[in-house]
Amino acid sequence: MAVSRDNRIRYRLILVSREFKAVLIGPPERFAKALLGRWFFGLLLRWLFLGPKDQPHRAGEIVLAELRRRSGFGKYSIFDPDPHVLAYREGQRAVVQEIFNHLNLDEGQVQKLMEVDDGLGQ
């Protein structure tokens, strides 16, 4: 039993090392594309949502608050007995979490976004 587990771990490490080598030692454009793609995505999000002082501007606050509300980001549980619905909700939360991570928002800014009222409802 332990030998089988060790072999699976070794095999997984071999696969990871092959991917690592393929990115770093492989064609340079692959590494540049991976690095530039992530960098450009973060830059684009910052341009869309943040003002000059790296604080969300009013339109950015409204959009981020709506994304957070629709994805269930502030909820304690997204559980649903249907696994497809659960996977969908988790995907939504993951996207919003990724956006917040790229924007480097601190806890106070995220809390403020959770309280934003766009004034359009009710």
PDB file of N, CA and C in Angstrom:
ATOM      1  N   MET A   1       0.817  -1.191   0.000  1.00  0.00           N
ATOM      2  CA  MET A   1       0.000   0.000   0.000  1.00  0.00           C
ATOM      3  C   MET A   1       0.862   1.257   0.000  1.00  0.00           C
ATOM      4  N   ALA A   2       1.862   1.320   0.859  1.00  0.00           N
ATOM      5  CA  ALA A   2       2.720   2.497   0.944  1.00  0.00           C
ATOM      6  C   ALA A   2       3.550   2.653  -0.326  1.00  0.00           C
ATOM      7  N   VAL A   3       3.968   1.534  -0.917  1.00  0.00           N
ATOM      8  CA  VAL A   3       4.757   1.614  -2.143  1.00  0.00           C
ATOM      9  C   VAL A   3       3.920   2.217  -3.265  1.00  0.00           C
ATOM     10  N   SER A   4       2.682   1.820  -3.367  1.00  0.00           N
ATOM     11  CA  SER A   4       1.783   2.348  -4.385  1.00  0.00           C
ATOM     12  C   SER A   4       1.595   3.856  -4.210  1.00  0.00           C
ATOM     13  N   ARG A   5       1.427   4.287  -2.987  1.00  0.00           N
ATOM     14  CA  ARG A   5       1.250   5.715  -2.697  1.00  0.00           C
ATOM     15  C   ARG A   5       2.509   6.484  -3.054  1.00  0.00           C
ATOM     16  N   ASP A   6       3.667   5.955  -2.701  1.00  0.00           N
ATOM     17  CA  ASP A   6       4.938   6.601  -3.025  1.00  0.00           C
ATOM     18  C   ASP A   6       5.131   6.709  -4.531  1.00  0.00           C
ATOM     19  N   ASN A   7       4.758   5.657  -5.251  1.00  0.00           N
ATOM     20  CA  ASN A   7       4.890   5.680  -6.707  1.00  0.00           C
ATOM     21  C   ASN A   7       3.983   6.739  -7.335  1.00  0.00           C
ATOM     22  N   ARG A   8       2.767   6.886  -6.801  1.00  0.00           N
ATOM     23  CA  ARG A   8       1.871   7.920  -7.317  1.00  0.00           C
ATOM     24  C   ARG A   8       2.448   9.307  -7.069  1.00  0.00           C
ATOM     25  N   ILE A   9       3.030   9.508  -5.903  1.00  0.00           N
ATOM     26  CA  ILE A   9       3.648  10.799  -5.592  1.00  0.00           C
ATOM     27  C   ILE A   9       4.822  11.058  -6.527  1.00  0.00           C
ATOM     28  N   ARG A  10       5.667  10.055  -6.741  1.00  0.00           N
ATOM     29  CA  ARG A  10       6.808  10.208  -7.652  1.00  0.00           C
ATOM     30  C   ARG A  10       6.336  10.536  -9.071  1.00  0.00           C
ATOM     31  N   TYR A  11       5.317   9.826  -9.530  1.00  0.00           N
ATOM     32  CA  TYR A  11       4.798  10.055 -10.869  1.00  0.00           C
ATOM     33  C   TYR A  11       4.256  11.484 -10.999  1.00  0.00           C
ATOM     34  N   ARG A  12       3.537  11.945  -9.998  1.00  0.00           N
ATOM     35  CA  ARG A  12       3.001  13.317 -10.012  1.00  0.00           C
ATOM     36  C   ARG A  12       4.130  14.338 -10.047  1.00  0.00           C
ATOM     37  N   LEU A  13       5.179  14.100  -9.275  1.00  0.00           N
ATOM     38  CA  LEU A  13       6.320  15.010  -9.274  1.00  0.00           C
ATOM     39  C   LEU A  13       7.027  15.018 -10.633  1.00  0.00           C
ATOM     40  N   ILE A  14       7.105  13.888 -11.279  1.00  0.00           N
ATOM     41  CA  ILE A  14       7.704  13.830 -12.614  1.00  0.00           C
ATOM     42  C   ILE A  14       6.883  14.662 -13.599  1.00  0.00           C
ATOM     43  N   LEU A  15       5.561  14.543 -13.536  1.00  0.00           N
ATOM     44  CA  LEU A  15       4.707  15.323 -14.429  1.00  0.00           C
ATOM     45  C   LEU A  15       4.857  16.822 -14.178  1.00  0.00           C
ATOM     46  N   VAL A  16       4.929  17.212 -12.911  1.00  0.00           N
ATOM     47  CA  VAL A  16       5.096  18.624 -12.576  1.00  0.00           C
ATOM     48  C   VAL A  16       6.439  19.129 -13.091  1.00  0.00           C
ATOM     49  N   SER A  17       7.491  18.345 -12.888  1.00  0.00           N
ATOM     50  CA  SER A  17       8.817  18.784 -13.342  1.00  0.00           C
ATOM     51  C   SER A  17       8.859  18.890 -14.866  1.00  0.00           C
ATOM     52  N   ARG A  18       8.179  18.001 -15.582  1.00  0.00           N
ATOM     53  CA  ARG A  18       8.138  18.091 -17.050  1.00  0.00           C
ATOM     54  C   ARG A  18       7.450  19.370 -17.504  1.00  0.00           C
ATOM     55  N   GLU A  19       6.351  19.724 -16.848  1.00  0.00           N
ATOM     56  CA  GLU A  19       5.662  20.967 -17.194  1.00  0.00           C
ATOM     57  C   GLU A  19       6.537  22.177 -16.903  1.00  0.00           C
ATOM     58  N   PHE A  20       7.216  22.146 -15.763  1.00  0.00           N
ATOM     59  CA  PHE A  20       8.104  23.236 -15.382  1.00  0.00           C
ATOM     60  C   PHE A  20       9.206  23.415 -16.420  1.00  0.00           C
ATOM     61  N   LYS A  21       9.815  22.306 -16.835  1.00  0.00           N
ATOM     62  CA  LYS A  21      10.863  22.363 -17.851  1.00  0.00           C
ATOM     63  C   LYS A  21      10.311  22.862 -19.183  1.00  0.00           C
ATOM     64  N   ALA A  22       9.123  22.425 -19.534  1.00  0.00           N
ATOM     65  CA  ALA A  22       8.537  22.837 -20.809  1.00  0.00           C
ATOM     66  C   ALA A  22       8.292  24.335 -20.849  1.00  0.00           C
ATOM     67  N   VAL A  23       7.919  24.903 -19.714  1.00  0.00           N
ATOM     68  CA  VAL A  23       7.663  26.345 -19.677  1.00  0.00           C
ATOM     69  C   VAL A  23       8.962  27.128 -19.665  1.00  0.00           C
ATOM     70  N   LEU A  24       9.915  26.734 -18.827  1.00  0.00           N
ATOM     71  CA  LEU A  24      11.137  27.520 -18.682  1.00  0.00           C
ATOM     72  C   LEU A  24      12.194  27.215 -19.736  1.00  0.00           C
ATOM     73  N   ILE A  25      12.307  25.972 -20.138  1.00  0.00           N
ATOM     74  CA  ILE A  25      13.356  25.599 -21.066  1.00  0.00           C
ATOM     75  C   ILE A  25      12.815  25.487 -22.488  1.00  0.00           C
ATOM     76  N   GLY A  26      11.516  25.350 -22.613  1.00  0.00           N
ATOM     77  CA  GLY A  26      10.892  25.207 -23.925  1.00  0.00           C
ATOM     78  C   GLY A  26      10.992  26.488 -24.724  1.00  0.00           C
ATOM     79  N   PRO A  27      10.160  26.620 -25.730  1.00  0.00           N
ATOM     80  CA  PRO A  27      10.205  27.815 -26.569  1.00  0.00           C
ATOM     81  C   PRO A  27       9.989  29.076 -25.731  1.00  0.00           C
ATOM     82  N   PRO A  28      10.815  30.102 -25.931  1.00  0.00           N
ATOM     83  CA  PRO A  28      10.701  31.317 -25.100  1.00  0.00           C
ATOM     84  C   PRO A  28       9.355  32.007 -25.230  1.00  0.00           C
ATOM     85  N   GLU A  29       8.726  31.887 -26.391  1.00  0.00           N
ATOM     86  CA  GLU A  29       7.440  32.573 -26.550  1.00  0.00           C
ATOM     87  C   GLU A  29       6.363  31.975 -25.653  1.00  0.00           C
ATOM     88  N   ARG A  30       6.475  30.695 -25.303  1.00  0.00           N
ATOM     89  CA  ARG A  30       5.495  30.081 -24.404  1.00  0.00           C
ATOM     90  C   ARG A  30       5.596  30.687 -23.009  1.00  0.00           C
ATOM     91  N   PHE A  31       6.827  30.855 -22.532  1.00  0.00           N
ATOM     92  CA  PHE A  31       7.034  31.464 -21.215  1.00  0.00           C
ATOM     93  C   PHE A  31       6.570  32.917 -21.232  1.00  0.00           C
ATOM     94  N   ALA A  32       6.932  33.650 -22.281  1.00  0.00           N
ATOM     95  CA  ALA A  32       6.547  35.059 -22.374  1.00  0.00           C
ATOM     96  C   ALA A  32       5.032  35.203 -22.448  1.00  0.00           C
ATOM     97  N   LYS A  33       4.384  34.326 -23.204  1.00  0.00           N
ATOM     98  CA  LYS A  33       2.934  34.400 -23.341  1.00  0.00           C
ATOM     99  C   LYS A  33       2.239  34.141 -22.008  1.00  0.00           C
ATOM    100  N   ALA A  34       2.723  33.159 -21.258  1.00  0.00           N
ATOM    101  CA  ALA A  34       2.125  32.853 -19.951  1.00  0.00           C
ATOM    102  C   ALA A  34       2.324  34.018 -18.991  1.00  0.00           C
ATOM    103  N   LEU A  35       3.519  34.576 -18.967  1.00  0.00           N
ATOM    104  CA  LEU A  35       3.820  35.680 -18.059  1.00  0.00           C
ATOM    105  C   LEU A  35       3.073  36.943 -18.468  1.00  0.00           C
ATOM    106  N   LEU A  36       3.115  37.274 -19.751  1.00  0.00           N
ATOM    107  CA  LEU A  36       2.464  38.476 -20.242  1.00  0.00           C
ATOM    108  C   LEU A  36       0.956  38.391 -20.108  1.00  0.00           C
ATOM    109  N   GLY A  37       0.388  37.213 -20.345  1.00  0.00           N
ATOM    110  CA  GLY A  37      -1.059  37.056 -20.241  1.00  0.00           C
ATOM    111  C   GLY A  37      -1.560  37.370 -18.842  1.00  0.00           C
ATOM    112  N   ARG A  38      -0.901  36.838 -17.826  1.00  0.00           N
ATOM    113  CA  ARG A  38      -1.308  37.097 -16.438  1.00  0.00           C
ATOM    114  C   ARG A  38      -1.069  38.556 -16.074  1.00  0.00           C
ATOM    115  N   TRP A  39       0.062  39.113 -16.499  1.00  0.00           N
ATOM    116  CA  TRP A  39       0.383  40.502 -16.200  1.00  0.00           C
ATOM    117  C   TRP A  39      -0.624  41.428 -16.875  1.00  0.00           C
ATOM    118  N   PHE A  40      -0.929  41.170 -18.142  1.00  0.00           N
ATOM    119  CA  PHE A  40      -1.849  42.022 -18.883  1.00  0.00           C
ATOM    120  C   PHE A  40      -3.255  41.951 -18.303  1.00  0.00           C
ATOM    121  N   PHE A  41      -3.683  40.760 -17.885  1.00  0.00           N
ATOM    122  CA  PHE A  41      -5.004  40.608 -17.291  1.00  0.00           C
ATOM    123  C   PHE A  41      -5.115  41.450 -16.018  1.00  0.00           C
ATOM    124  N   GLY A  42      -4.088  41.395 -15.166  1.00  0.00           N
ATOM    125  CA  GLY A  42      -4.091  42.194 -13.945  1.00  0.00           C
ATOM    126  C   GLY A  42      -4.095  43.683 -14.244  1.00  0.00           C
ATOM    127  N   LEU A  43      -3.314  44.092 -15.242  1.00  0.00           N
ATOM    128  CA  LEU A  43      -3.261  45.501 -15.636  1.00  0.00           C
ATOM    129  C   LEU A  43      -4.614  45.976 -16.162  1.00  0.00           C
ATOM    130  N   LEU A  44      -5.255  45.140 -16.958  1.00  0.00           N
ATOM    131  CA  LEU A  44      -6.566  45.480 -17.501  1.00  0.00           C
ATOM    132  C   LEU A  44      -7.606  45.627 -16.389  1.00  0.00           C
ATOM    133  N   LEU A  45      -7.606  44.719 -15.435  1.00  0.00           N
ATOM    134  CA  LEU A  45      -8.555  44.812 -14.320  1.00  0.00           C
ATOM    135  C   LEU A  45      -8.313  46.073 -13.498  1.00  0.00           C
ATOM    136  N   ARG A  46      -7.045  46.397 -13.253  1.00  0.00           N
ATOM    137  CA  ARG A  46      -6.743  47.604 -12.482  1.00  0.00           C
ATOM    138  C   ARG A  46      -7.216  48.850 -13.232  1.00  0.00           C
ATOM    139  N   TRP A  47      -7.050  48.866 -14.548  1.00  0.00           N
ATOM    140  CA  TRP A  47      -7.486  50.000 -15.354  1.00  0.00           C
ATOM    141  C   TRP A  47      -9.009  50.130 -15.329  1.00  0.00           C
ATOM    142  N   LEU A  48      -9.715  48.995 -15.360  1.00  0.00           N
ATOM    143  CA  LEU A  48     -11.171  49.024 -15.389  1.00  0.00           C
ATOM    144  C   LEU A  48     -11.790  49.464 -14.071  1.00  0.00           C
ATOM    145  N   PHE A  49     -11.234  49.007 -12.955  1.00  0.00           N
ATOM    146  CA  PHE A  49     -11.909  49.179 -11.677  1.00  0.00           C
ATOM    147  C   PHE A  49     -11.287  50.211 -10.742  1.00  0.00           C
ATOM    148  N   LEU A  50     -10.023  50.547 -10.906  1.00  0.00           N
ATOM    149  CA  LEU A  50      -9.347  51.416  -9.953  1.00  0.00           C
ATOM    150  C   LEU A  50      -9.069  52.787 -10.541  1.00  0.00           C
ATOM    151  N   GLY A  51      -9.118  53.783  -9.650  1.00  0.00           N
ATOM    152  CA  GLY A  51      -8.796  55.139 -10.043  1.00  0.00           C
ATOM    153  C   GLY A  51      -7.302  55.400  -9.902  1.00  0.00           C
ATOM    154  N   PRO A  52      -6.911  56.677  -9.977  1.00  0.00           N
ATOM    155  CA  PRO A  52      -5.484  57.014  -9.954  1.00  0.00           C
ATOM    156  C   PRO A  52      -4.774  56.681  -8.639  1.00  0.00           C
ATOM    157  N   LYS A  53      -5.479  56.622  -7.534  1.00  0.00           N
ATOM    158  CA  LYS A  53      -4.834  56.339  -6.244  1.00  0.00           C
ATOM    159  C   LYS A  53      -5.013  54.881  -5.825  1.00  0.00           C
ATOM    160  N   ASP A  54      -5.227  54.002  -6.786  1.00  0.00           N
ATOM    161  CA  ASP A  54      -5.444  52.576  -6.532  1.00  0.00           C
ATOM    162  C   ASP A  54      -6.623  52.309  -5.606  1.00  0.00           C
ATOM    163  N   GLN A  55      -7.615  53.177  -5.657  1.00  0.00           N
ATOM    164  CA  GLN A  55      -8.867  52.997  -4.945  1.00  0.00           C
ATOM    165  C   GLN A  55      -9.959  52.809  -5.996  1.00  0.00           C
ATOM    166  N   PRO A  56     -10.923  51.930  -5.765  1.00  0.00           N
ATOM    167  CA  PRO A  56     -11.993  51.758  -6.761  1.00  0.00           C
ATOM    168  C   PRO A  56     -12.766  53.055  -6.966  1.00  0.00           C
ATOM    169  N   HIS A  57     -12.974  53.446  -8.227  1.00  0.00           N
ATOM    170  CA  HIS A  57     -13.809  54.608  -8.504  1.00  0.00           C
ATOM    171  C   HIS A  57     -15.273  54.190  -8.394  1.00  0.00           C
ATOM    172  N   ARG A  58     -16.182  55.133  -8.471  1.00  0.00           N
ATOM    173  CA  ARG A  58     -17.600  54.853  -8.185  1.00  0.00           C
ATOM    174  C   ARG A  58     -18.171  53.776  -9.114  1.00  0.00           C
ATOM    175  N   ALA A  59     -17.892  53.869 -10.410  1.00  0.00           N
ATOM    176  CA  ALA A  59     -18.408  52.858 -11.337  1.00  0.00           C
ATOM    177  C   ALA A  59     -17.785  51.501 -11.022  1.00  0.00           C
ATOM    178  N   GLY A  60     -16.499  51.495 -10.700  1.00  0.00           N
ATOM    179  CA  GLY A  60     -15.834  50.244 -10.334  1.00  0.00           C
ATOM    180  C   GLY A  60     -16.421  49.646  -9.075  1.00  0.00           C
ATOM    181  N   GLU A  61     -16.738  50.492  -8.095  1.00  0.00           N
ATOM    182  CA  GLU A  61     -17.357  50.013  -6.856  1.00  0.00           C
ATOM    183  C   GLU A  61     -18.697  49.345  -7.138  1.00  0.00           C
ATOM    184  N   ILE A  62     -19.488  49.968  -7.999  1.00  0.00           N
ATOM    185  CA  ILE A  62     -20.818  49.426  -8.300  1.00  0.00           C
ATOM    186  C   ILE A  62     -20.700  48.078  -8.999  1.00  0.00           C
ATOM    187  N   VAL A  63     -19.810  47.994  -9.982  1.00  0.00           N
ATOM    188  CA  VAL A  63     -19.654  46.743 -10.730  1.00  0.00           C
ATOM    189  C   VAL A  63     -19.103  45.640  -9.834  1.00  0.00           C
ATOM    190  N   LEU A  64     -18.082  45.953  -9.031  1.00  0.00           N
ATOM    191  CA  LEU A  64     -17.515  44.947  -8.135  1.00  0.00           C
ATOM    192  C   LEU A  64     -18.528  44.489  -7.086  1.00  0.00           C
ATOM    193  N   ALA A  65     -19.331  45.430  -6.579  1.00  0.00           N
ATOM    194  CA  ALA A  65     -20.358  45.057  -5.601  1.00  0.00           C
ATOM    195  C   ALA A  65     -21.407  44.144  -6.232  1.00  0.00           C
ATOM    196  N   GLU A  66     -21.767  44.439  -7.480  1.00  0.00           N
ATOM    197  CA  GLU A  66     -22.751  43.595  -8.169  1.00  0.00           C
ATOM    198  C   GLU A  66     -22.176  42.212  -8.462  1.00  0.00           C
ATOM    199  N   LEU A  67     -20.917  42.143  -8.879  1.00  0.00           N
ATOM    200  CA  LEU A  67     -20.264  40.848  -9.090  1.00  0.00           C
ATOM    201  C   LEU A  67     -20.223  40.039  -7.797  1.00  0.00           C
ATOM    202  N   ARG A  68     -19.879  40.715  -6.702  1.00  0.00           N
ATOM    203  CA  ARG A  68     -19.813  40.046  -5.413  1.00  0.00           C
ATOM    204  C   ARG A  68     -21.184  39.541  -5.000  1.00  0.00           C
ATOM    205  N   ARG A  69     -22.212  40.356  -5.216  1.00  0.00           N
ATOM    206  CA  ARG A  69     -23.567  39.962  -4.825  1.00  0.00           C
ATOM    207  C   ARG A  69     -24.060  38.784  -5.661  1.00  0.00           C
ATOM    208  N   ARG A  70     -23.875  38.842  -6.963  1.00  0.00           N
ATOM    209  CA  ARG A  70     -24.367  37.776  -7.846  1.00  0.00           C
ATOM    210  C   ARG A  70     -23.624  36.460  -7.660  1.00  0.00           C
ATOM    211  N   SER A  71     -22.351  36.536  -7.258  1.00  0.00           N
ATOM    212  CA  SER A  71     -21.569  35.301  -7.126  1.00  0.00           C
ATOM    213  C   SER A  71     -21.727  34.660  -5.759  1.00  0.00           C
ATOM    214  N   GLY A  72     -22.345  35.346  -4.817  1.00  0.00           N
ATOM    215  CA  GLY A  72     -22.469  34.802  -3.476  1.00  0.00           C
ATOM    216  C   GLY A  72     -21.168  34.885  -2.708  1.00  0.00           C
ATOM    217  N   PHE A  73     -20.313  35.827  -3.077  1.00  0.00           N
ATOM    218  CA  PHE A  73     -18.993  35.957  -2.467  1.00  0.00           C
ATOM    219  C   PHE A  73     -19.076  36.248  -0.977  1.00  0.00           C
ATOM    220  N   GLY A  74     -20.062  37.001  -0.547  1.00  0.00           N
ATOM    221  CA  GLY A  74     -20.174  37.349   0.858  1.00  0.00           C
ATOM    222  C   GLY A  74     -20.961  36.349   1.683  1.00  0.00           C
ATOM    223  N   LYS A  75     -21.533  35.336   1.044  1.00  0.00           N
ATOM    224  CA  LYS A  75     -22.352  34.359   1.757  1.00  0.00           C
ATOM    225  C   LYS A  75     -21.472  33.348   2.473  1.00  0.00           C
ATOM    226  N   TYR A  76     -22.028  32.747   3.505  1.00  0.00           N
ATOM    227  CA  TYR A  76     -21.297  31.722   4.236  1.00  0.00           C
ATOM    228  C   TYR A  76     -21.277  30.404   3.465  1.00  0.00           C
ATOM    229  N   SER A  77     -22.355  30.095   2.760  1.00  0.00           N
ATOM    230  CA  SER A  77     -22.426  28.814   2.086  1.00  0.00           C
ATOM    231  C   SER A  77     -23.043  28.985   0.710  1.00  0.00           C
ATOM    232  N   ILE A  78     -22.491  28.282  -0.243  1.00  0.00           N
ATOM    233  CA  ILE A  78     -23.052  28.265  -1.586  1.00  0.00           C
ATOM    234  C   ILE A  78     -23.593  26.873  -1.889  1.00  0.00           C
ATOM    235  N   PHE A  79     -23.757  26.070  -0.862  1.00  0.00           N
ATOM    236  CA  PHE A  79     -24.139  24.674  -1.034  1.00  0.00           C
ATOM    237  C   PHE A  79     -25.489  24.540  -1.723  1.00  0.00           C
ATOM    238  N   ASP A  80     -25.571  23.549  -2.586  1.00  0.00           N
ATOM    239  CA  ASP A  80     -26.816  23.152  -3.229  1.00  0.00           C
ATOM    240  C   ASP A  80     -26.749  21.640  -3.422  1.00  0.00           C
ATOM    241  N   PRO A  81     -27.850  20.932  -3.210  1.00  0.00           N
ATOM    242  CA  PRO A  81     -27.814  19.472  -3.380  1.00  0.00           C
ATOM    243  C   PRO A  81     -27.469  19.037  -4.811  1.00  0.00           C
ATOM    244  N   ASP A  82     -27.800  19.871  -5.790  1.00  0.00           N
ATOM    245  CA  ASP A  82     -27.472  19.557  -7.181  1.00  0.00           C
ATOM    246  C   ASP A  82     -25.990  19.875  -7.421  1.00  0.00           C
ATOM    247  N   PRO A  83     -25.174  18.888  -7.790  1.00  0.00           N
ATOM    248  CA  PRO A  83     -23.743  19.139  -7.966  1.00  0.00           C
ATOM    249  C   PRO A  83     -23.435  20.119  -9.102  1.00  0.00           C
ATOM    250  N   HIS A  84     -24.284  20.195 -10.111  1.00  0.00           N
ATOM    251  CA  HIS A  84     -24.053  21.138 -11.207  1.00  0.00           C
ATOM    252  C   HIS A  84     -24.240  22.580 -10.739  1.00  0.00           C
ATOM    253  N   VAL A  85     -25.264  22.812  -9.944  1.00  0.00           N
ATOM    254  CA  VAL A  85     -25.501  24.147  -9.401  1.00  0.00           C
ATOM    255  C   VAL A  85     -24.374  24.528  -8.450  1.00  0.00           C
ATOM    256  N   LEU A  86     -23.949  23.584  -7.624  1.00  0.00           N
ATOM    257  CA  LEU A  86     -22.844  23.843  -6.695  1.00  0.00           C
ATOM    258  C   LEU A  86     -21.565  24.195  -7.452  1.00  0.00           C
ATOM    259  N   ALA A  87     -21.255  23.452  -8.512  1.00  0.00           N
ATOM    260  CA  ALA A  87     -20.058  23.727  -9.310  1.00  0.00           C
ATOM    261  C   ALA A  87     -20.152  25.098  -9.983  1.00  0.00           C
ATOM    262  N   TYR A  88     -21.330  25.443 -10.474  1.00  0.00           N
ATOM    263  CA  TYR A  88     -21.539  26.743 -11.109  1.00  0.00           C
ATOM    264  C   TYR A  88     -21.302  27.879 -10.110  1.00  0.00           C
ATOM    265  N   ARG A  89     -21.877  27.745  -8.928  1.00  0.00           N
ATOM    266  CA  ARG A  89     -21.705  28.780  -7.899  1.00  0.00           C
ATOM    267  C   ARG A  89     -20.251  28.897  -7.464  1.00  0.00           C
ATOM    268  N   GLU A  90     -19.579  27.772  -7.324  1.00  0.00           N
ATOM    269  CA  GLU A  90     -18.175  27.805  -6.931  1.00  0.00           C
ATOM    270  C   GLU A  90     -17.330  28.466  -8.013  1.00  0.00           C
ATOM    271  N   GLY A  91     -17.671  28.223  -9.276  1.00  0.00           N
ATOM    272  CA  GLY A  91     -16.973  28.886 -10.375  1.00  0.00           C
ATOM    273  C   GLY A  91     -17.161  30.391 -10.339  1.00  0.00           C
ATOM    274  N   GLN A  92     -18.364  30.821 -10.052  1.00  0.00           N
ATOM    275  CA  GLN A  92     -18.627  32.257  -9.934  1.00  0.00           C
ATOM    276  C   GLN A  92     -17.791  32.866  -8.811  1.00  0.00           C
ATOM    277  N   ARG A  93     -17.776  32.196  -7.669  1.00  0.00           N
ATOM    278  CA  ARG A  93     -16.994  32.715  -6.533  1.00  0.00           C
ATOM    279  C   ARG A  93     -15.517  32.768  -6.864  1.00  0.00           C
ATOM    280  N   ALA A  94     -15.027  31.770  -7.580  1.00  0.00           N
ATOM    281  CA  ALA A  94     -13.605  31.729  -7.931  1.00  0.00           C
ATOM    282  C   ALA A  94     -13.232  32.892  -8.848  1.00  0.00           C
ATOM    283  N   VAL A  95     -14.120  33.237  -9.781  1.00  0.00           N
ATOM    284  CA  VAL A  95     -13.847  34.355 -10.683  1.00  0.00           C
ATOM    285  C   VAL A  95     -13.776  35.662  -9.906  1.00  0.00           C
ATOM    286  N   VAL A  96     -14.731  35.891  -9.019  1.00  0.00           N
ATOM    287  CA  VAL A  96     -14.735  37.128  -8.239  1.00  0.00           C
ATOM    288  C   VAL A  96     -13.514  37.175  -7.317  1.00  0.00           C
ATOM    289  N   GLN A  97     -13.147  36.055  -6.725  1.00  0.00           N
ATOM    290  CA  GLN A  97     -11.959  36.007  -5.872  1.00  0.00           C
ATOM    291  C   GLN A  97     -10.708  36.342  -6.687  1.00  0.00           C
ATOM    292  N   GLU A  98     -10.621  35.832  -7.892  1.00  0.00           N
ATOM    293  CA  GLU A  98      -9.473  36.118  -8.756  1.00  0.00           C
ATOM    294  C   GLU A  98      -9.404  37.602  -9.108  1.00  0.00           C
ATOM    295  N   ILE A  99     -10.541  38.223  -9.373  1.00  0.00           N
ATOM    296  CA  ILE A  99     -10.570  39.657  -9.665  1.00  0.00           C
ATOM    297  C   ILE A  99     -10.095  40.441  -8.452  1.00  0.00           C
ATOM    298  N   PHE A 100     -10.601  40.124  -7.264  1.00  0.00           N
ATOM    299  CA  PHE A 100     -10.171  40.822  -6.061  1.00  0.00           C
ATOM    300  C   PHE A 100      -8.678  40.617  -5.807  1.00  0.00           C
ATOM    301  N   ASN A 101      -8.173  39.419  -6.078  1.00  0.00           N
ATOM    302  CA  ASN A 101      -6.746  39.166  -5.892  1.00  0.00           C
ATOM    303  C   ASN A 101      -5.899  40.003  -6.842  1.00  0.00           C
ATOM    304  N   HIS A 102      -6.335  40.129  -8.095  1.00  0.00           N
ATOM    305  CA  HIS A 102      -5.586  40.929  -9.058  1.00  0.00           C
ATOM    306  C   HIS A 102      -5.600  42.403  -8.701  1.00  0.00           C
ATOM    307  N   LEU A 103      -6.666  42.864  -8.077  1.00  0.00           N
ATOM    308  CA  LEU A 103      -6.771  44.274  -7.721  1.00  0.00           C
ATOM    309  C   LEU A 103      -6.016  44.610  -6.442  1.00  0.00           C
ATOM    310  N   ASN A 104      -5.569  43.608  -5.710  1.00  0.00           N
ATOM    311  CA  ASN A 104      -4.830  43.809  -4.455  1.00  0.00           C
ATOM    312  C   ASN A 104      -5.602  44.687  -3.474  1.00  0.00           C
ATOM    313  N   LEU A 105      -6.883  44.413  -3.327  1.00  0.00           N
ATOM    314  CA  LEU A 105      -7.715  45.181  -2.400  1.00  0.00           C
ATOM    315  C   LEU A 105      -7.496  44.676  -0.982  1.00  0.00           C
ATOM    316  N   ASP A 106      -7.390  45.606  -0.041  1.00  0.00           N
ATOM    317  CA  ASP A 106      -7.255  45.178   1.348  1.00  0.00           C
ATOM    318  C   ASP A 106      -8.635  44.870   1.930  1.00  0.00           C
ATOM    319  N   GLU A 107      -8.663  44.358   3.139  1.00  0.00           N
ATOM    320  CA  GLU A 107      -9.914  43.903   3.749  1.00  0.00           C
ATOM    321  C   GLU A 107     -10.917  45.043   3.917  1.00  0.00           C
ATOM    322  N   GLY A 108     -10.434  46.235   4.241  1.00  0.00           N
ATOM    323  CA  GLY A 108     -11.325  47.386   4.397  1.00  0.00           C
ATOM    324  C   GLY A 108     -12.012  47.775   3.104  1.00  0.00           C
ATOM    325  N   GLN A 109     -11.256  47.726   1.999  1.00  0.00           N
ATOM    326  CA  GLN A 109     -11.849  48.059   0.704  1.00  0.00           C
ATOM    327  C   GLN A 109     -12.881  47.017   0.287  1.00  0.00           C
ATOM    328  N   VAL A 110     -12.592  45.758   0.545  1.00  0.00           N
ATOM    329  CA  VAL A 110     -13.551  44.701   0.212  1.00  0.00           C
ATOM    330  C   VAL A 110     -14.813  44.859   1.055  1.00  0.00           C
ATOM    331  N   GLN A 111     -14.654  45.179   2.340  1.00  0.00           N
ATOM    332  CA  GLN A 111     -15.815  45.399   3.208  1.00  0.00           C
ATOM    333  C   GLN A 111     -16.654  46.569   2.709  1.00  0.00           C
ATOM    334  N   LYS A 112     -15.986  47.634   2.251  1.00  0.00           N
ATOM    335  CA  LYS A 112     -16.707  48.777   1.711  1.00  0.00           C
ATOM    336  C   LYS A 112     -17.501  48.370   0.469  1.00  0.00           C
ATOM    337  N   LEU A 113     -16.902  47.534  -0.374  1.00  0.00           N
ATOM    338  CA  LEU A 113     -17.617  47.070  -1.568  1.00  0.00           C
ATOM    339  C   LEU A 113     -18.817  46.222  -1.206  1.00  0.00           C
ATOM    340  N   MET A 114     -18.749  45.539  -0.087  1.00  0.00           N
ATOM    341  CA  MET A 114     -19.874  44.706   0.338  1.00  0.00           C
ATOM    342  C   MET A 114     -21.045  45.563   0.797  1.00  0.00           C
ATOM    343  N   GLU A 115     -20.777  46.828   1.134  1.00  0.00           N
ATOM    344  CA  GLU A 115     -21.817  47.716   1.650  1.00  0.00           C
ATOM    345  C   GLU A 115     -22.305  48.715   0.611  1.00  0.00           C
ATOM    346  N   VAL A 116     -21.740  48.685  -0.589  1.00  0.00           N
ATOM    347  CA  VAL A 116     -22.092  49.672  -1.613  1.00  0.00           C
ATOM    348  C   VAL A 116     -23.530  49.474  -2.057  1.00  0.00           C
ATOM    349  N   ASP A 117     -24.238  50.587  -2.168  1.00  0.00           N
ATOM    350  CA  ASP A 117     -25.590  50.572  -2.712  1.00  0.00           C
ATOM    351  C   ASP A 117     -25.556  51.437  -3.960  1.00  0.00           C
ATOM    352  N   ASP A 118     -25.923  50.844  -5.089  1.00  0.00           N
ATOM    353  CA  ASP A 118     -25.860  51.607  -6.338  1.00  0.00           C
ATOM    354  C   ASP A 118     -27.012  52.586  -6.496  1.00  0.00           C
ATOM    355  N   GLY A 119     -27.987  52.552  -5.620  1.00  0.00           N
ATOM    356  CA  GLY A 119     -29.086  53.496  -5.662  1.00  0.00           C
ATOM    357  C   GLY A 119     -30.104  53.231  -6.766  1.00  0.00           C
ATOM    358  N   LEU A 120     -29.973  52.107  -7.451  1.00  0.00           N
ATOM    359  CA  LEU A 120     -30.866  51.804  -8.554  1.00  0.00           C
ATOM    360  C   LEU A 120     -32.042  50.921  -8.156  1.00  0.00           C
ATOM    361  N   GLY A 121     -31.856  50.133  -7.093  1.00  0.00           N
ATOM    362  CA  GLY A 121     -32.891  49.176  -6.714  1.00  0.00           C
ATOM    363  C   GLY A 121     -33.935  49.748  -5.768  1.00  0.00           C
ATOM    364  N   GLN A 122     -34.868  48.925  -5.431  1.00  0.00           N
ATOM    365  CA  GLN A 122     -35.963  49.207  -4.492  1.00  0.00           C
ATOM    366  C   GLN A 122     -36.704  50.397  -4.954  1.00  0.00           C
TER     367      GLN A 122
END
